[in-house]
């Protein structure tokens, strides 16, 4: 994993990591909200905080970060 992603992971809360994991699985904001029993607004707030902490400015970069998080939590995915 890139040093950027490792440093970013250290800054994220467990809930933020959970949201990123769902995003990496391809879930929409609404779907993530249902899975986590949250409002879509709360999911959006988590993702805005993640973007701020990571210095990510768009959804494409956010998805790259989410994929790095999912690969970090399941190293077997990186080899798939």
Protein backbone atom coordinates (compact mmCIF):
# COMPACT_ATOMS: atom_id res chain seq x y z
CA UNK A 1 0.00 0.00 0.00
CA UNK A 2 1.21 3.49 -0.77
CA UNK A 3 2.50 5.61 2.14
CA UNK A 4 -0.23 8.16 1.41
CA UNK A 5 -2.96 5.60 2.01
CA UNK A 6 -1.31 4.26 5.16
CA UNK A 7 -1.07 7.75 6.66
CA UNK A 8 -4.65 8.50 5.68
CA UNK A 9 -5.91 5.28 7.27
CA UNK A 10 -4.39 6.30 10.58
CA UNK A 11 -6.52 9.46 10.53
CA UNK A 12 -9.85 7.77 9.82
CA UNK A 13 -12.35 6.59 12.41
CA UNK A 14 -13.71 3.05 12.39
CA UNK A 15 -17.02 4.31 10.96
CA UNK A 16 -15.25 6.21 8.20
CA UNK A 17 -13.31 3.06 7.31
CA UNK A 18 -16.57 1.10 7.29
CA UNK A 19 -18.15 3.62 4.90
CA UNK A 20 -15.09 3.39 2.62
CA UNK A 21 -15.33 -0.39 2.66
CA UNK A 22 -18.94 -0.28 1.50
CA UNK A 23 -18.03 2.27 -1.17
CA UNK A 24 -15.26 -0.04 -2.44
CA UNK A 25 -17.85 -2.82 -2.74
CA UNK A 26 -19.80 -0.59 -5.14
CA UNK A 27 -22.62 0.51 -2.87
CA UNK A 28 -24.35 3.85 -3.38
CA UNK A 29 -24.65 6.45 -0.64
CA UNK A 30 -28.27 5.37 -0.06
CA UNK A 31 -27.30 1.69 0.06
CA UNK A 32 -24.49 2.41 2.51
CA UNK A 33 -26.94 4.37 4.66
CA UNK A 34 -29.37 1.43 4.76
CA UNK A 35 -26.61 -1.08 5.56
CA UNK A 36 -25.25 1.06 8.40
CA UNK A 37 -28.68 2.23 9.63
CA UNK A 38 -27.81 5.88 8.93
CA UNK A 39 -29.33 8.67 6.92
CA UNK A 40 -27.85 9.33 3.47
CA UNK A 41 -26.91 12.79 4.77
CA UNK A 42 -24.76 11.17 7.49
CA UNK A 43 -23.03 8.98 4.90
CA UNK A 44 -22.36 12.09 2.81
CA UNK A 45 -20.92 13.79 5.91
CA UNK A 46 -18.60 10.84 6.56
CA UNK A 47 -17.41 10.91 2.95
CA UNK A 48 -16.83 14.68 3.06
CA UNK A 49 -14.75 14.25 6.23
CA UNK A 50 -12.77 11.45 4.57
CA UNK A 51 -12.12 13.63 1.52
CA UNK A 52 -10.94 16.42 3.79
CA UNK A 53 -8.62 14.21 5.82
CA UNK A 54 -7.22 12.56 2.70
CA UNK A 55 -6.96 15.73 0.66
CA UNK A 56 -9.07 14.08 -2.03
CA UNK A 57 -11.06 16.45 -4.23
CA UNK A 58 -13.29 14.18 -6.32
CA UNK A 59 -15.18 10.90 -6.28
CA UNK A 60 -12.70 9.10 -8.51
CA UNK A 61 -9.87 9.71 -6.04
CA UNK A 62 -12.17 8.78 -3.18
CA UNK A 63 -12.89 5.45 -4.89
CA UNK A 64 -9.15 4.81 -5.34
CA UNK A 65 -8.68 5.39 -1.62
CA UNK A 66 -11.63 3.10 -0.85
CA UNK A 67 -10.11 0.34 -2.98
CA UNK A 68 -6.75 0.73 -1.24
CA UNK A 69 -8.52 0.42 2.11
CA UNK A 70 -10.33 -2.73 0.99
CA UNK A 71 -7.07 -4.25 -0.33
CA UNK A 72 -5.35 -3.40 2.94
CA UNK A 73 -8.07 -5.10 4.99
CA UNK A 74 -8.11 -8.14 2.65
CA UNK A 75 -4.65 -8.62 1.08
CA UNK A 76 -5.99 -11.46 -1.07
CA UNK A 77 -8.02 -8.95 -3.08
CA UNK A 78 -4.88 -7.19 -4.25
CA UNK A 79 -3.78 -10.40 -5.97
CA UNK A 80 -7.16 -11.17 -7.55
